[in-house]
C-alpha atoms as a PDB file:
ATOM      1  CA  MET A   1     -13.367   0.405  -9.850  1.00  0.00           C
ATOM      2  CA  ILE A   2     -10.870  -1.950  -8.202  1.00  0.00           C
ATOM      3  CA  ILE A   3      -9.104  -1.213  -4.931  1.00  0.00           C
ATOM      4  CA  TYR A   4      -5.625  -2.646  -4.487  1.00  0.00           C
ATOM      5  CA  ASN A   5      -5.434  -2.726  -0.690  1.00  0.00           C
ATOM      6  CA  THR A   6      -2.188  -3.302   1.167  1.00  0.00           C
ATOM      7  CA  THR A   7      -2.285  -3.829   4.917  1.00  0.00           C
ATOM      8  CA  VAL A   8       1.035  -3.086   6.568  1.00  0.00           C
ATOM      9  CA  ASN A   9       2.207  -3.564  10.150  1.00  0.00           C
ATOM     10  CA  ILE A  10       5.216  -1.352  10.890  1.00  0.00           C
ATOM     11  CA  ASP A  11       7.621  -1.845  13.764  1.00  0.00           C
ATOM     12  CA  GLU A  12       7.531   1.197  16.032  1.00  0.00           C
ATOM     13  CA  SER A  13      11.314   1.632  15.705  1.00  0.00           C
ATOM     14  CA  ILE A  14      10.933   2.709  12.050  1.00  0.00           C
ATOM     15  CA  HIS A  15       7.353   3.986  12.099  1.00  0.00           C
ATOM     16  CA  ASP A  16       8.086   7.687  11.556  1.00  0.00           C
ATOM     17  CA  GLN A  17      10.592   6.982   8.780  1.00  0.00           C
ATOM     18  CA  TRP A  18       8.146   4.616   7.026  1.00  0.00           C
ATOM     19  CA  LEU A  19       5.225   7.042   7.309  1.00  0.00           C
ATOM     20  CA  GLN A  20       7.270   9.904   5.858  1.00  0.00           C
ATOM     21  CA  TRP A  21       8.457   7.673   2.989  1.00  0.00           C
ATOM     22  CA  MET A  22       4.892   6.557   2.236  1.00  0.00           C
ATOM     23  CA  GLN A  23       3.458  10.080   2.246  1.00  0.00           C
ATOM     24  CA  ASN A  24       6.321  11.771   0.388  1.00  0.00           C
ATOM     25  CA  GLU A  25       7.555   9.092  -2.035  1.00  0.00           C
ATOM     26  CA  HIS A  26       5.921   5.698  -2.321  1.00  0.00           C
ATOM     27  CA  ILE A  27       2.279   6.648  -2.836  1.00  0.00           C
ATOM     28  CA  ALA A  28       3.316   9.253  -5.417  1.00  0.00           C
ATOM     29  CA  ASN A  29       5.421   6.619  -7.210  1.00  0.00           C
ATOM     30  CA  MET A  30       2.454   4.238  -7.275  1.00  0.00           C
ATOM     31  CA  ILE A  31       0.171   6.882  -8.785  1.00  0.00           C
ATOM     32  CA  ALA A  32       2.903   7.884 -11.259  1.00  0.00           C
ATOM     33  CA  THR A  33       2.655   4.409 -12.824  1.00  0.00           C
ATOM     34  CA  GLY A  34      -0.580   5.628 -14.420  1.00  0.00           C
ATOM     35  CA  LYS A  35      -2.416   2.512 -13.208  1.00  0.00           C
ATOM     36  CA  PHE A  36      -4.161   4.162 -10.235  1.00  0.00           C
ATOM     37  CA  SER A  37      -6.328   7.273 -10.122  1.00  0.00           C
ATOM     38  CA  SER A  38      -5.835   7.981  -6.416  1.00  0.00           C
ATOM     39  CA  ALA A  39      -4.817   6.478  -3.091  1.00  0.00           C
ATOM     40  CA  ARG A  40      -5.904   6.577   0.523  1.00  0.00           C
ATOM     41  CA  LEU A  41      -3.688   5.945   3.574  1.00  0.00           C
ATOM     42  CA  VAL A  42      -5.592   5.018   6.731  1.00  0.00           C
ATOM     43  CA  LYS A  43      -4.509   3.894  10.166  1.00  0.00           C
ATOM     44  CA  VAL A  44      -6.063   0.693  11.513  1.00  0.00           C
ATOM     45  CA  LEU A  45      -7.422   1.462  14.977  1.00  0.00           C
ATOM     46  CA  VAL A  46      -6.702  -1.829  16.666  1.00  0.00           C
ATOM     47  CA  GLU A  47      -3.831  -2.873  18.901  1.00  0.00           C
ATOM     48  CA  GLU A  48      -1.969  -5.833  17.468  1.00  0.00           C
ATOM     49  CA  ASP A  49      -0.725  -8.581  19.793  1.00  0.00           C
ATOM     50  CA  MET A  50       2.549  -8.487  17.868  1.00  0.00           C
ATOM     51  CA  GLY A  51       2.910  -4.742  18.461  1.00  0.00           C
ATOM     52  CA  GLY A  52       3.664  -2.171  15.821  1.00  0.00           C
ATOM     53  CA  VAL A  53       1.310   0.178  14.033  1.00  0.00           C
ATOM     54  CA  THR A  54      -0.982  -1.059  11.250  1.00  0.00           C
ATOM     55  CA  TYR A  55      -2.101   0.863   8.164  1.00  0.00           C
ATOM     56  CA  SER A  56      -4.238   0.155   5.145  1.00  0.00           C
ATOM     57  CA  VAL A  57      -3.143   1.749   1.883  1.00  0.00           C
ATOM     58  CA  GLN A  58      -5.837   1.724  -0.776  1.00  0.00           C
ATOM     59  CA  TYR A  59      -4.923   2.367  -4.399  1.00  0.00           C
ATOM     60  CA  PHE A  60      -7.859   2.937  -6.765  1.00  0.00           C
ATOM     61  CA  ALA A  61      -7.546   1.371 -10.222  1.00  0.00           C
ATOM     62  CA  PRO A  62     -10.130   2.045 -12.927  1.00  0.00           C
ATOM     63  CA  SER A  63     -10.243  -1.628 -13.971  1.00  0.00           C
ATOM     64  CA  LYS A  64      -8.927  -5.124 -13.328  1.00  0.00           C
ATOM     65  CA  GLU A  65      -6.849  -4.716 -16.509  1.00  0.00           C
ATOM     66  CA  ALA A  66      -5.124  -1.621 -15.094  1.00  0.00           C
ATOM     67  CA  LEU A  67      -4.289  -3.536 -11.911  1.00  0.00           C
ATOM     68  CA  GLU A  68      -2.938  -6.463 -13.948  1.00  0.00           C
ATOM     69  CA  ALA A  69      -0.769  -4.027 -15.907  1.00  0.00           C
ATOM     70  CA  TYR A  70       0.582  -2.669 -12.605  1.00  0.00           C
ATOM     71  CA  TYR A  71       1.465  -6.227 -11.516  1.00  0.00           C
ATOM     72  CA  ASN A  72       3.229  -6.963 -14.798  1.00  0.00           C
ATOM     73  CA  GLU A  73       5.041  -3.655 -15.257  1.00  0.00           C
ATOM     74  CA  HIS A  74       5.714  -2.113 -11.837  1.00  0.00           C
ATOM     75  CA  GLN A  75       4.951  -4.281  -8.823  1.00  0.00           C
ATOM     76  CA  TYR A  76       8.331  -5.970  -8.424  1.00  0.00           C
ATOM     77  CA  ASP A  77      10.371  -2.751  -8.466  1.00  0.00           C
ATOM     78  CA  LEU A  78       8.013  -0.819  -6.187  1.00  0.00           C
ATOM     79  CA  ASP A  79       7.717  -3.708  -3.714  1.00  0.00           C
ATOM     80  CA  MET A  80      11.477  -4.186  -3.581  1.00  0.00           C
ATOM     81  CA  GLU A  81      12.002  -0.521  -2.742  1.00  0.00           C
ATOM     82  CA  GLY A  82      10.062  -0.911   0.505  1.00  0.00           C
ATOM     83  CA  ARG A  83      11.578  -4.284   1.336  1.00  0.00           C
ATOM     84  CA  LYS A  84      15.112  -2.920   0.899  1.00  0.00           C
ATOM     85  CA  ARG A  85      14.412   0.050   3.177  1.00  0.00           C
ATOM     86  CA  PHE A  86      12.455  -1.672   5.928  1.00  0.00           C
ATOM     87  CA  ALA A  87      13.233  -5.401   5.553  1.00  0.00           C
ATOM     88  CA  ASP A  88      12.035  -7.396   8.551  1.00  0.00           C
ATOM     89  CA  LYS A  89      10.511  -4.362  10.313  1.00  0.00           C
ATOM     90  CA  MET A  90       7.444  -4.506   8.060  1.00  0.00           C
ATOM     91  CA  LEU A  91       4.768  -7.170   7.612  1.00  0.00           C
ATOM     92  CA  ILE A  92       2.561  -6.679   4.561  1.00  0.00           C
ATOM     93  CA  PHE A  93      -0.225  -8.422   2.689  1.00  0.00           C
ATOM     94  CA  ALA A  94      -2.378  -7.330  -0.224  1.00  0.00           C
ATOM     95  CA  THR A  95      -5.986  -7.871  -1.227  1.00  0.00           C
ATOM     96  CA  GLU A  96      -8.029  -6.869  -4.244  1.00  0.00           C
ATOM     97  CA  LEU A  97     -11.438  -5.314  -3.622  1.00  0.00           C
ATOM     98  CA  GLU A  98     -14.178  -4.522  -6.123  1.00  0.00           C
ATOM     99  CA  ILE A  99     -16.554  -1.666  -5.393  1.00  0.00           C
ATOM    100  CA  ILE A 100     -20.094  -2.949  -5.817  1.00  0.00           C
ATOM    101  CA  SER A 101     -21.979   0.131  -4.676  1.00  0.00           C
ATOM    102  CA  GLU A 102     -21.486   3.288  -2.676  1.00  0.00           C
ATOM    103  CA  HIS A 103     -24.175   4.864  -0.524  1.00  0.00           C
END
């Protein structure tokens, strides 16, 4: 199992709009690609010096190949959707995580 983790800092001026979009549209669109089995949206409980509210969005892919297929087939369009809506009010970076064991 591979986790595609995106960490996002959202400007407070658009926070509610972004959160509604994530919960009602974007996460569903990501899962609809067929490359992820589920997703988890969590709030990061730390105050950032730059302000804003930070979230981690974790998308669970069954394999590295499924994640690569997402990159090749869907990433550009789905990323651009968020960038068009929220532009410079959102700072985002992604990491790939591999589950080694769960206890």
